[in-house]
């Protein structure tokens, strides 16, 4: 399991769209499995779960992304999982890290 957290300033819907598009374009096997949205007052939240096939690990990995915003202040938390074939310990976490690295690139390029 790998985790990434960031605080950004910008437009919530714009950033969410860039994350969805960027993750989907980052791998031919990527899919958006499900999502959930919530708004109350000026607070917005979105959860997205992506999955893709890891060629090196020969398995599927998932990436859960949560955005929470109040006004233009946005908190992003992402956790990747599923990148190991071992029974009792994780031996190959490359797929998880690579999936999370794609999100990191998207966030680095965002200029809200």
C-alpha atoms as a PDB file:
ATOM      1  CA  UNK A   1       0.000   0.000   0.000  1.00  0.00           C
ATOM      2  CA  UNK A   2       1.218   3.465  -0.852  1.00  0.00           C
ATOM      3  CA  UNK A   3      -0.280   6.809   0.154  1.00  0.00           C
ATOM      4  CA  UNK A   4      -0.100  10.380  -1.152  1.00  0.00           C
ATOM      5  CA  UNK A   5      -1.603  13.465   0.475  1.00  0.00           C
ATOM      6  CA  UNK A   6      -1.524  17.062  -0.741  1.00  0.00           C
ATOM      7  CA  UNK A   7      -3.116  20.410   0.000  1.00  0.00           C
ATOM      8  CA  UNK A   8      -3.833  22.617  -3.003  1.00  0.00           C
ATOM      9  CA  UNK A   9      -5.655  25.796  -3.922  1.00  0.00           C
ATOM     10  CA  UNK A  10      -7.982  25.797  -6.887  1.00  0.00           C
ATOM     11  CA  UNK A  11     -11.298  24.824  -8.406  1.00  0.00           C
ATOM     12  CA  UNK A  12     -12.667  21.560  -6.989  1.00  0.00           C
ATOM     13  CA  UNK A  13     -14.551  20.418 -10.103  1.00  0.00           C
ATOM     14  CA  UNK A  14     -11.684  21.338 -12.403  1.00  0.00           C
ATOM     15  CA  UNK A  15      -9.157  19.368 -10.340  1.00  0.00           C
ATOM     16  CA  UNK A  16     -11.487  16.383 -10.053  1.00  0.00           C
ATOM     17  CA  UNK A  17     -11.901  16.377 -13.839  1.00  0.00           C
ATOM     18  CA  UNK A  18      -8.149  16.573 -14.405  1.00  0.00           C
ATOM     19  CA  UNK A  19      -7.589  13.652 -12.017  1.00  0.00           C
ATOM     20  CA  UNK A  20     -10.261  11.504 -13.686  1.00  0.00           C
ATOM     21  CA  UNK A  21      -8.997  12.251 -17.202  1.00  0.00           C
ATOM     22  CA  UNK A  22      -5.324  11.961 -16.272  1.00  0.00           C
ATOM     23  CA  UNK A  23      -5.672   8.602 -14.537  1.00  0.00           C
ATOM     24  CA  UNK A  24      -7.768   7.162 -17.358  1.00  0.00           C
ATOM     25  CA  UNK A  25      -5.315   8.373 -20.027  1.00  0.00           C
ATOM     26  CA  UNK A  26      -2.336   7.099 -18.027  1.00  0.00           C
ATOM     27  CA  UNK A  27      -2.985   3.417 -18.742  1.00  0.00           C
ATOM     28  CA  UNK A  28      -4.897   1.516 -21.422  1.00  0.00           C
ATOM     29  CA  UNK A  29      -6.230  -0.836 -18.745  1.00  0.00           C
ATOM     30  CA  UNK A  30      -7.346   1.903 -16.306  1.00  0.00           C
ATOM     31  CA  UNK A  31     -10.994   2.031 -15.350  1.00  0.00           C
ATOM     32  CA  UNK A  32     -13.069   4.194 -13.058  1.00  0.00           C
ATOM     33  CA  UNK A  33     -14.746   1.600 -10.846  1.00  0.00           C
ATOM     34  CA  UNK A  34     -17.032   3.871  -8.852  1.00  0.00           C
ATOM     35  CA  UNK A  35     -17.366   7.261  -7.241  1.00  0.00           C
ATOM     36  CA  UNK A  36     -19.292   9.216  -4.660  1.00  0.00           C
ATOM     37  CA  UNK A  37     -19.919  12.949  -4.255  1.00  0.00           C
ATOM     38  CA  UNK A  38     -21.201  15.024  -1.351  1.00  0.00           C
ATOM     39  CA  UNK A  39     -21.832  18.756  -0.923  1.00  0.00           C
ATOM     40  CA  UNK A  40     -22.927  20.678   2.162  1.00  0.00           C
ATOM     41  CA  UNK A  41     -22.714  24.442   2.159  1.00  0.00           C
ATOM     42  CA  UNK A  42     -19.295  25.394   0.778  1.00  0.00           C
ATOM     43  CA  UNK A  43     -17.761  21.980   1.571  1.00  0.00           C
ATOM     44  CA  UNK A  44     -17.404  19.467  -1.265  1.00  0.00           C
ATOM     45  CA  UNK A  45     -16.184  15.887  -1.152  1.00  0.00           C
ATOM     46  CA  UNK A  46     -15.538  13.316  -3.869  1.00  0.00           C
ATOM     47  CA  UNK A  47     -14.250   9.756  -3.740  1.00  0.00           C
ATOM     48  CA  UNK A  48     -13.071   7.922  -6.839  1.00  0.00           C
ATOM     49  CA  UNK A  49     -11.814   4.346  -7.104  1.00  0.00           C
ATOM     50  CA  UNK A  50      -9.704   3.439 -10.128  1.00  0.00           C
ATOM     51  CA  UNK A  51      -8.264   0.111 -11.155  1.00  0.00           C
ATOM     52  CA  UNK A  52      -5.672  -0.946 -13.696  1.00  0.00           C
ATOM     53  CA  UNK A  53      -3.641  -3.971 -14.677  1.00  0.00           C
ATOM     54  CA  UNK A  54      -0.002  -4.035 -13.552  1.00  0.00           C
ATOM     55  CA  UNK A  55       2.057  -5.753 -16.252  1.00  0.00           C
ATOM     56  CA  UNK A  56       5.069  -6.174 -13.989  1.00  0.00           C
ATOM     57  CA  UNK A  57       3.093  -7.583 -11.072  1.00  0.00           C
ATOM     58  CA  UNK A  58       0.708  -9.445 -13.388  1.00  0.00           C
ATOM     59  CA  UNK A  59      -2.270  -8.398 -11.262  1.00  0.00           C
ATOM     60  CA  UNK A  60      -4.741  -5.537 -10.823  1.00  0.00           C
ATOM     61  CA  UNK A  61      -4.065  -2.587  -8.578  1.00  0.00           C
ATOM     62  CA  UNK A  62      -6.533  -0.051  -7.229  1.00  0.00           C
ATOM     63  CA  UNK A  63      -6.236   3.637  -6.465  1.00  0.00           C
ATOM     64  CA  UNK A  64      -8.706   5.343  -4.131  1.00  0.00           C
ATOM     65  CA  UNK A  65      -8.706   9.134  -4.398  1.00  0.00           C
ATOM     66  CA  UNK A  66     -10.543  11.423  -1.975  1.00  0.00           C
ATOM     67  CA  UNK A  67     -10.901  15.170  -2.501  1.00  0.00           C
ATOM     68  CA  UNK A  68     -12.235  17.429   0.237  1.00  0.00           C
ATOM     69  CA  UNK A  69     -12.662  21.148  -0.361  1.00  0.00           C
ATOM     70  CA  UNK A  70     -13.811  24.199   1.500  1.00  0.00           C
ATOM     71  CA  UNK A  71     -13.927  27.086  -0.907  1.00  0.00           C
ATOM     72  CA  UNK A  72     -10.711  26.976  -2.948  1.00  0.00           C
ATOM     73  CA  UNK A  73      -8.732  25.015  -0.362  1.00  0.00           C
ATOM     74  CA  UNK A  74      -8.525  21.360  -1.477  1.00  0.00           C
ATOM     75  CA  UNK A  75      -7.147  18.360   0.380  1.00  0.00           C
ATOM     76  CA  UNK A  76      -6.304  15.257  -1.684  1.00  0.00           C
ATOM     77  CA  UNK A  77      -5.709  11.835  -0.149  1.00  0.00           C
ATOM     78  CA  UNK A  78      -4.914   8.827  -2.347  1.00  0.00           C
ATOM     79  CA  UNK A  79      -4.135   5.240  -1.422  1.00  0.00           C
ATOM     80  CA  UNK A  80      -3.106   2.506  -3.842  1.00  0.00           C
ATOM     81  CA  UNK A  81      -3.412  -1.188  -3.066  1.00  0.00           C
ATOM     82  CA  UNK A  82      -3.381  -4.683  -4.518  1.00  0.00           C
ATOM     83  CA  UNK A  83       0.060  -4.860  -6.064  1.00  0.00           C
ATOM     84  CA  UNK A  84       1.343  -8.092  -4.558  1.00  0.00           C
ATOM     85  CA  UNK A  85       0.949 -11.782  -5.249  1.00  0.00           C
ATOM     86  CA  UNK A  86       2.380 -13.054  -1.962  1.00  0.00           C
ATOM     87  CA  UNK A  87       0.179 -14.631   0.710  1.00  0.00           C
ATOM     88  CA  UNK A  88       1.727 -13.297   3.938  1.00  0.00           C
ATOM     89  CA  UNK A  89       3.736 -10.222   2.879  1.00  0.00           C
ATOM     90  CA  UNK A  90       4.025  -7.800   0.011  1.00  0.00           C
ATOM     91  CA  UNK A  91       6.827  -8.687  -2.354  1.00  0.00           C
ATOM     92  CA  UNK A  92       6.027  -6.511  -5.347  1.00  0.00           C
ATOM     93  CA  UNK A  93       4.597  -3.051  -4.756  1.00  0.00           C
ATOM     94  CA  UNK A  94       5.836  -1.526  -8.026  1.00  0.00           C
ATOM     95  CA  UNK A  95       2.355  -1.450  -9.564  1.00  0.00           C
ATOM     96  CA  UNK A  96       0.930   0.411  -6.583  1.00  0.00           C
ATOM     97  CA  UNK A  97       3.731   2.978  -6.603  1.00  0.00           C
ATOM     98  CA  UNK A  98       3.486   3.513 -10.359  1.00  0.00           C
ATOM     99  CA  UNK A  99      -0.274   4.110 -10.140  1.00  0.00           C
ATOM    100  CA  UNK A 100       0.228   6.645  -7.360  1.00  0.00           C
ATOM    101  CA  UNK A 101       3.068   8.320  -9.291  1.00  0.00           C
ATOM    102  CA  UNK A 102       0.643   9.079 -12.126  1.00  0.00           C
ATOM    103  CA  UNK A 103      -1.592  10.972  -9.703  1.00  0.00           C
ATOM    104  CA  UNK A 104       1.427  12.800  -8.288  1.00  0.00           C
ATOM    105  CA  UNK A 105       2.308  14.013 -11.809  1.00  0.00           C
ATOM    106  CA  UNK A 106      -1.252  15.257 -12.338  1.00  0.00           C
ATOM    107  CA  UNK A 107      -1.196  17.176  -9.050  1.00  0.00           C
ATOM    108  CA  UNK A 108       2.271  18.608  -9.772  1.00  0.00           C
ATOM    109  CA  UNK A 109       0.995  20.009 -13.095  1.00  0.00           C
ATOM    110  CA  UNK A 110      -2.208  21.477 -11.654  1.00  0.00           C
ATOM    111  CA  UNK A 111      -2.185  25.259 -11.518  1.00  0.00           C
ATOM    112  CA  UNK A 112      -5.479  26.116  -9.824  1.00  0.00           C
END
